[in-house]
Protein backbone atom coordinates (compact mmCIF):
# COMPACT_ATOMS: atom_id res chain seq x y z
CA MET A 1 56.91 -84.31 64.38
CA ILE A 2 59.69 -85.46 62.12
CA LYS A 3 57.25 -86.42 59.08
CA LYS A 4 55.48 -83.26 59.31
CA THR A 5 58.72 -81.33 59.10
CA LEU A 6 59.89 -83.45 55.97
CA VAL A 7 56.59 -82.88 54.53
CA LEU A 8 56.74 -79.07 55.02
CA ALA A 9 60.53 -78.95 53.79
CA ALA A 10 59.34 -80.80 50.63
CA MET A 11 56.32 -78.50 49.85
CA ALA A 12 58.91 -75.59 50.40
CA GLY A 13 61.15 -77.17 48.01
CA ILE A 14 58.51 -77.63 45.22
CA LEU A 15 57.50 -73.92 45.97
CA PHE A 16 61.03 -72.69 45.65
CA SER A 17 61.67 -74.85 42.66
CA GLY A 18 58.48 -73.33 40.92
CA CYS A 19 59.73 -69.62 41.79
CA THR A 20 63.11 -70.23 40.27
CA LYS A 21 61.32 -71.62 36.90
CA GLN A 22 59.01 -68.48 36.55
CA GLU A 23 59.91 -66.20 33.59
CA VAL A 24 60.55 -62.72 34.46
CA PRO A 25 57.50 -60.47 33.79
CA TRP A 26 57.76 -58.44 30.58
CA LYS A 27 58.46 -54.76 30.81
CA PRO A 28 59.51 -52.31 28.03
CA GLY A 29 62.98 -52.72 26.99
CA MET A 30 62.97 -56.24 27.48
CA SER A 31 62.85 -58.28 24.22
CA LEU A 32 59.45 -60.14 23.57
CA ASP A 33 58.79 -63.48 21.46
CA ARG A 34 56.94 -62.36 18.47
CA GLU A 35 54.12 -65.17 19.21
CA LYS A 36 53.31 -63.82 22.64
CA LEU A 37 52.67 -60.18 21.17
CA LYS A 38 49.43 -58.44 21.23
CA VAL A 39 48.44 -55.00 20.00
CA GLY A 40 45.61 -52.92 21.16
CA VAL A 41 44.29 -50.19 18.70
CA LEU A 42 41.57 -47.56 19.33
CA HIS A 43 40.00 -46.14 16.47
CA VAL A 44 37.56 -43.09 16.47
CA SER A 45 35.23 -44.81 13.81
CA ASN A 46 35.07 -48.31 12.01
CA PRO A 47 37.80 -48.63 9.66
CA LEU A 48 36.49 -52.08 8.57
CA GLU A 49 33.60 -50.71 7.16
CA GLU A 50 35.09 -47.90 5.57
CA ASN A 51 37.55 -47.57 2.40
CA SER A 52 39.04 -43.99 3.05
CA GLY A 53 39.40 -41.68 5.76
CA TYR A 54 41.36 -41.18 9.11
CA ALA A 55 40.56 -44.37 10.75
CA TYR A 56 41.07 -46.30 7.76
CA ALA A 57 44.40 -44.88 6.97
CA HIS A 58 45.40 -46.00 10.58
CA GLU A 59 44.27 -49.57 9.93
CA GLN A 60 46.10 -49.53 6.56
CA GLY A 61 49.22 -48.90 8.66
CA ILE A 62 48.40 -51.49 11.21
CA GLY A 63 47.97 -53.98 8.44
CA MET A 64 51.25 -52.98 7.04
CA MET A 65 52.84 -53.47 10.31
CA ARG A 66 51.14 -56.90 10.78
CA ARG A 67 52.19 -58.27 7.47
CA GLU A 68 55.80 -57.00 7.66
CA LEU A 69 56.32 -58.33 11.16
CA GLY A 70 54.67 -61.57 10.45
CA LEU A 71 52.01 -61.47 13.28
CA ALA A 72 48.76 -63.23 13.28
CA GLU A 73 45.35 -61.38 12.88
CA ASP A 74 44.35 -62.39 16.27
CA GLN A 75 47.22 -60.66 17.88
CA ILE A 76 45.67 -57.12 17.00
CA ILE A 77 42.91 -56.40 19.33
CA ARG A 78 40.76 -53.60 17.85
CA LYS A 79 38.36 -51.19 19.69
CA ILE A 80 36.24 -49.30 17.10
CA ASN A 81 33.84 -46.22 17.34
CA ILE A 82 35.69 -45.05 20.45
CA ASP A 83 34.72 -41.36 20.75
CA ASP A 84 37.88 -39.46 21.76
CA ASP A 85 35.75 -36.99 23.47
CA ASP A 86 34.62 -39.60 25.93
CA THR A 87 37.24 -40.31 28.21
CA ALA A 88 35.28 -43.30 30.18
CA GLN A 89 34.76 -44.96 27.03
CA ALA A 90 38.50 -44.77 25.96
CA GLU A 91 39.55 -45.83 29.58
CA ASN A 92 37.23 -48.89 29.46
CA ALA A 93 38.42 -49.82 25.95
CA ILE A 94 42.07 -49.50 26.77
CA ARG A 95 41.50 -51.59 30.00
CA ASP A 96 39.85 -54.41 27.92
CA CYS A 97 42.70 -54.48 25.65
CA ILE A 98 45.05 -54.97 28.69
CA VAL A 99 42.61 -57.71 30.21
CA ALA A 100 43.14 -59.34 26.65
CA GLY A 101 46.93 -59.25 27.17
CA VAL A 102 48.10 -56.69 25.10
CA GLN A 103 51.69 -55.23 25.34
CA ILE A 104 51.19 -52.28 23.21
CA ILE A 105 48.22 -49.72 22.96
CA VAL A 106 47.94 -47.61 19.77
CA ALA A 107 45.86 -44.69 20.68
CA THR A 108 45.04 -43.10 17.36
CA SER A 109 43.44 -39.68 18.04
CA TRP A 110 44.21 -36.68 20.00
CA GLY A 111 41.48 -36.91 22.77
CA TYR A 112 42.93 -40.15 24.03
CA MET A 113 46.00 -38.28 25.36
CA ASP A 114 44.90 -37.72 28.86
CA THR A 115 43.84 -41.09 29.24
CA CYS A 116 46.95 -42.74 28.10
CA GLU A 117 48.87 -40.72 30.43
CA LYS A 118 46.70 -41.86 33.36
CA LEU A 119 46.91 -45.50 32.42
CA ALA A 120 50.46 -45.52 31.47
CA ALA A 121 51.20 -44.77 35.02
CA GLU A 122 48.88 -47.47 36.18
CA PHE A 123 50.21 -50.07 33.94
CA PRO A 124 54.24 -49.71 33.59
CA ALA A 125 54.60 -53.09 31.57
CA VAL A 126 52.53 -51.70 28.65
CA VAL A 127 53.52 -49.36 25.97
CA PHE A 128 51.16 -46.60 25.23
CA ALA A 129 51.82 -44.77 21.76
CA HIS A 130 49.71 -41.88 21.13
CA ALA A 131 49.14 -40.25 17.90
CA SER A 132 49.23 -36.35 17.40
CA GLY A 133 49.72 -35.39 21.05
CA TYR A 134 52.51 -33.81 23.01
CA LYS A 135 52.69 -35.78 26.31
CA SER A 136 55.16 -38.61 27.24
CA ASN A 137 56.46 -39.92 30.25
CA GLY A 138 60.13 -41.05 29.28
CA VAL A 139 59.36 -44.69 30.12
CA ASN A 140 56.37 -46.38 28.79
CA PHE A 141 54.22 -43.57 27.06
CA THR A 142 55.25 -41.80 23.83
CA ASN A 143 53.55 -39.91 20.99
CA TYR A 144 54.05 -39.86 17.19
CA PHE A 145 53.24 -37.75 14.40
CA GLY A 146 54.72 -36.55 11.35
CA ARG A 147 55.45 -33.07 9.09
CA ILE A 148 52.19 -33.27 7.46
CA TYR A 149 52.57 -29.59 6.58
CA GLN A 150 55.07 -30.90 4.02
CA ALA A 151 52.63 -32.65 1.76
CA ARG A 152 50.02 -29.89 2.57
CA TYR A 153 52.40 -27.56 0.72
CA LEU A 154 52.71 -29.89 -2.25
CA SER A 155 48.94 -30.15 -2.44
CA GLY A 156 48.51 -26.63 -2.39
CA ILE A 157 50.36 -26.36 -5.56
CA ALA A 158 48.16 -28.44 -7.40
CA ALA A 159 45.17 -26.63 -6.08
CA GLY A 160 46.60 -23.53 -6.96
CA LEU A 161 47.39 -24.10 -10.47
CA LYS A 162 43.80 -25.74 -10.94
CA THR A 163 41.51 -23.06 -9.64
CA ARG A 164 39.95 -20.78 -12.06
CA THR A 165 37.90 -18.73 -9.70
CA GLY A 166 40.86 -17.97 -7.51
CA LYS A 167 38.95 -19.27 -4.49
CA ILE A 168 39.97 -22.37 -2.74
CA GLY A 169 37.80 -23.88 0.22
CA TYR A 170 39.26 -25.77 3.07
CA VAL A 171 37.08 -27.57 5.38
CA ALA A 172 38.87 -27.59 8.92
CA ALA A 173 38.07 -29.62 11.86
CA MET A 174 39.28 -27.13 14.32
CA GLY A 175 39.84 -23.20 14.54
CA LYS A 176 42.98 -21.19 14.37
CA ASP A 177 44.20 -22.18 17.88
CA ASN A 178 44.92 -25.66 16.97
CA SER A 179 48.38 -25.74 15.49
CA GLU A 180 47.98 -28.89 13.80
CA VAL A 181 45.13 -27.80 11.42
CA THR A 182 46.24 -24.30 11.03
CA GLY A 183 49.71 -25.26 10.29
CA GLY A 184 48.27 -27.37 7.54
CA ILE A 185 46.38 -24.40 6.28
CA ASN A 186 49.01 -22.09 6.13
CA ALA A 187 51.54 -24.66 4.44
CA PHE A 188 48.48 -25.32 2.14
CA ALA A 189 48.26 -21.46 1.57
CA LEU A 190 52.00 -21.25 0.87
CA GLY A 191 52.00 -23.72 -1.91
CA VAL A 192 48.93 -22.08 -3.57
CA GLU A 193 50.83 -18.72 -3.31
CA LYS A 194 53.74 -20.25 -5.12
CA VAL A 195 52.02 -20.87 -8.35
CA ASN A 196 48.95 -18.37 -7.87
CA PRO A 197 49.77 -15.28 -5.93
CA GLY A 198 46.29 -14.09 -6.13
CA ALA A 199 44.57 -17.04 -4.92
CA ARG A 200 42.79 -16.82 -1.43
CA ILE A 201 42.04 -19.63 0.92
CA LEU A 202 38.57 -19.74 2.53
CA VAL A 203 38.13 -21.59 5.60
CA GLN A 204 34.91 -23.49 7.25
CA VAL A 205 35.46 -24.84 10.61
CA THR A 206 33.58 -27.75 11.79
CA TYR A 207 34.97 -28.03 15.37
CA SER A 208 35.03 -31.64 15.13
CA TRP A 209 37.50 -34.30 13.78
CA PHE A 210 34.56 -36.59 12.88
CA ASP A 211 31.59 -34.87 11.67
CA PRO A 212 29.94 -36.39 8.42
CA MET A 213 27.12 -33.94 8.01
CA GLY A 214 29.14 -30.89 9.28
CA GLU A 215 31.79 -31.59 6.86
CA MET A 216 29.33 -31.85 3.93
CA ASN A 217 27.47 -28.51 5.13
CA ALA A 218 30.79 -26.79 5.17
CA ALA A 219 31.76 -27.91 1.85
CA GLN A 220 28.62 -26.87 0.19
CA SER A 221 28.88 -23.42 1.83
CA LEU A 222 32.41 -23.07 0.39
CA ILE A 223 31.05 -24.03 -3.00
CA ALA A 224 28.25 -21.56 -2.62
CA ALA A 225 30.81 -19.00 -2.04
CA GLY A 226 32.48 -19.52 -5.32
CA CYS A 227 35.55 -21.85 -4.40
CA ASP A 228 36.17 -24.46 -7.25
CA VAL A 229 38.77 -26.48 -5.24
CA ILE A 230 37.82 -27.94 -1.91
CA ALA A 231 40.53 -29.10 0.42
CA GLN A 232 40.22 -30.66 3.87
CA HIS A 233 41.34 -31.44 7.30
CA CYS A 234 38.43 -33.53 8.61
CA ASP A 235 37.80 -37.30 8.63
CA THR A 236 35.39 -38.29 6.25
CA PRO A 237 35.58 -38.02 2.40
CA ASN A 238 32.33 -36.04 2.32
CA PRO A 239 33.98 -32.62 1.28
CA GLN A 240 35.56 -34.47 -1.96
CA ILE A 241 31.98 -36.24 -2.59
CA GLU A 242 30.13 -32.74 -2.57
CA ALA A 243 33.09 -31.30 -4.71
CA ALA A 244 32.14 -34.03 -7.15
CA ALA A 245 28.65 -33.57 -6.89
CA SER A 246 28.81 -29.88 -7.63
CA GLY A 247 31.12 -30.27 -10.66
CA VAL A 248 34.43 -28.76 -8.80
CA TRP A 249 37.74 -30.05 -7.83
CA GLY A 250 39.01 -31.45 -4.46
CA ILE A 251 42.24 -32.35 -2.70
CA GLY A 252 41.90 -35.27 -0.50
CA TYR A 253 43.16 -36.16 3.04
CA ASN A 254 44.38 -39.28 5.08
CA THR A 255 44.02 -41.79 2.00
CA ASP A 256 43.54 -41.42 -1.53
CA MET A 257 39.94 -39.97 -1.76
CA SER A 258 39.84 -40.30 -5.66
CA VAL A 259 38.03 -43.61 -4.80
CA ASP A 260 35.48 -41.75 -3.19
CA ALA A 261 35.16 -38.99 -5.89
CA PRO A 262 36.62 -40.07 -9.18
CA GLY A 263 37.00 -37.29 -11.61
CA ALA A 264 36.97 -34.56 -8.95
CA VAL A 265 39.99 -35.39 -6.77
CA ILE A 266 43.22 -33.94 -7.93
CA THR A 267 45.48 -35.45 -5.55
CA SER A 268 45.19 -36.33 -1.71
CA VAL A 269 47.44 -35.71 1.41
CA LEU A 270 48.44 -39.17 2.83
CA TRP A 271 49.53 -40.53 5.88
CA ASN A 272 51.32 -43.74 5.69
CA TRP A 273 51.17 -44.93 9.66
CA GLY A 274 52.65 -48.07 8.96
CA VAL A 275 56.12 -46.43 8.55
CA TYR A 276 55.80 -45.84 12.56
CA TYR A 277 53.92 -48.87 13.36
CA THR A 278 56.22 -51.01 12.15
CA ALA A 279 59.24 -49.33 13.75
CA LEU A 280 57.22 -49.22 17.10
CA VAL A 281 56.28 -52.92 17.25
CA ARG A 282 59.81 -54.09 15.87
CA SER A 283 61.64 -51.98 18.68
CA VAL A 284 59.13 -53.59 21.31
CA LEU A 285 60.10 -57.11 20.21
CA ASP A 286 63.84 -56.66 19.92
CA GLY A 287 63.69 -54.61 23.05
CA SER A 288 64.97 -51.37 21.76
CA PHE A 289 61.87 -49.27 22.53
CA SER A 290 62.24 -45.84 23.80
CA ALA A 291 59.72 -43.59 24.71
CA GLY A 292 61.05 -40.89 22.78
CA PRO A 293 58.68 -38.69 20.55
CA TYR A 294 58.53 -39.58 16.76
CA LEU A 295 58.10 -37.10 14.12
CA GLY A 296 58.18 -38.55 10.56
CA SER A 297 58.52 -36.59 7.27
CA ILE A 298 58.25 -36.86 3.44
CA SER A 299 61.79 -38.24 3.41
CA ASP A 300 60.87 -41.32 5.51
CA GLY A 301 57.80 -41.71 3.77
CA MET A 302 55.14 -41.10 6.63
CA VAL A 303 53.60 -38.24 4.86
CA ASP A 304 53.26 -37.71 0.92
CA ILE A 305 50.68 -36.92 -1.60
CA SER A 306 48.98 -39.39 -3.98
CA PRO A 307 49.67 -39.78 -7.53
CA LEU A 308 48.15 -36.79 -9.59
CA SER A 309 45.04 -37.55 -11.34
CA ALA A 310 44.26 -36.70 -15.12
CA ILE A 311 42.67 -33.70 -14.25
CA ALA A 312 45.48 -31.81 -12.47
CA ALA A 313 46.57 -28.75 -14.43
CA PRO A 314 49.47 -29.05 -17.00
CA ASP A 315 53.08 -28.50 -15.42
CA THR A 316 51.82 -29.48 -12.03
CA GLU A 317 53.84 -32.90 -11.70
CA GLY A 318 57.25 -31.14 -12.67
CA ILE A 319 56.48 -28.30 -10.34
CA ILE A 320 55.86 -30.69 -7.29
CA ALA A 321 58.83 -32.97 -8.27
CA GLU A 322 61.04 -29.95 -7.76
CA GLU A 323 59.63 -28.68 -4.62
CA ARG A 324 59.48 -32.30 -3.20
CA ARG A 325 63.50 -32.61 -4.21
CA ARG A 326 64.11 -29.39 -2.31
CA LEU A 327 62.24 -30.53 0.62
CA THR A 328 63.82 -34.01 0.98
CA ALA A 329 67.26 -32.54 0.49
CA GLY A 330 66.72 -29.96 3.20
CA THR A 331 67.48 -27.12 1.11
CA PHE A 332 63.95 -25.64 1.59
CA ASP A 333 61.57 -25.54 4.33
CA VAL A 334 57.85 -24.86 4.13
CA PHE A 335 57.81 -22.09 6.94
CA GLU A 336 60.99 -20.29 6.20
CA GLY A 337 61.82 -16.42 6.42
CA VAL A 338 59.29 -13.73 7.32
CA LEU A 339 55.90 -14.61 7.05
CA GLU A 340 52.81 -12.07 6.91
CA THR A 341 49.56 -13.16 8.85
CA ASN A 342 45.91 -11.91 7.46
CA ASP A 343 45.92 -9.54 10.68
CA GLY A 344 49.11 -7.82 9.65
CA ARG A 345 51.62 -9.36 11.95
CA ARG A 346 54.77 -10.55 10.71
CA ILE A 347 56.16 -14.08 11.80
CA GLY A 348 59.58 -15.54 11.70
CA GLU A 349 63.15 -14.16 10.49
CA ALA A 350 64.87 -13.61 7.34
CA GLY A 351 67.28 -16.71 6.92
CA LYS A 352 65.66 -18.98 9.44
CA HIS A 353 62.60 -21.15 9.62
CA LEU A 354 60.41 -22.28 12.43
CA THR A 355 61.12 -25.20 14.43
CA ASP A 356 59.35 -28.19 14.75
CA SER A 357 58.03 -27.28 18.02
CA GLU A 358 56.98 -23.79 16.94
CA ILE A 359 55.02 -25.54 13.96
CA LEU A 360 53.48 -28.26 15.94
CA SER A 361 52.16 -26.07 18.78
CA GLY A 362 52.74 -22.43 18.17
CA ILE A 363 50.88 -21.77 14.97
CA ASN A 364 47.56 -19.67 16.18
CA TRP A 365 47.75 -17.32 13.16
CA TYR A 366 46.40 -17.52 9.63
CA TYR A 367 48.61 -16.90 6.69
CA LYS A 368 47.95 -13.53 4.82
CA THR A 369 45.94 -15.16 1.88
CA VAL A 370 43.69 -17.10 4.27
CA VAL A 371 40.09 -15.78 4.98
CA GLU A 372 38.15 -16.97 7.95
CA LYS A 373 34.77 -17.64 6.69
């Protein structure tokens, strides 16, 4: 009996000793060793087989973050071709990442939002960062975006100075009720109007973020309607490729699409997602992570336009430089004063500008120079 008691006591001592040496499980707000970090990324297409477009822009940002923070390639777990309309596919992809040991999930598209919200509650020891959405839980689920309308405005100046027909086409992923797309169209229209008040913006909607054939068809329709500059808010470079094939000009999106349509693209509206991804991952590593939303701008470099090509109209560079200066100095806001809609309403107030919240979630109207095609 004495021997049995001693054996049990010894075993208990070993177990207790083992427990006291265990590391405290990591959770957001604690620092983390760099070599233990893994990041899971959901892409709507395959950026490893692309050289432009939406997913490619995010992947470039992930690459920038990885290099700046000295992470190894195998610390990034990519899930590609994850349809953001397929919640089951998105959930399975995220769960696979968590099984692989990630501490951060980067969900790059709007449709992943509700899945992130659900799984963030189930996995409180994982940080969920969602692009372009509005949901967060204040603990381990946040969202991030940028004032892309600032870059849209600058690109509108380039388009307005270039058009000869006075008709500028815009391939839009979503309809008027989507503030992200519609706000960009209106900002673009305001840029066009600054240098070419008589020009009109013709909008063709595909009702899909990623629809290569639909985007091509929309561009062809706009060109057939007389548009000689084609802008876009959609994922693929197909509108720019169609512009080049038809002998007109274009304004690309997400990445510099002059690589896809040299000789046609005047400039492109750019996302530099690496600005946020570097800050996000660094905050997880050093324990300063906060679930507060992030909204980048032209001032911090998260949004911008690519260098003007040689086909840009004379004086374009100087006018854009002055408008950029006003934007970064805070002396000018794209959506300021009273704005007239294309159905005769008046939005805003003299001497004031729309708030970030109004721009990101409250624009369901088109500016007066926009024509719904």
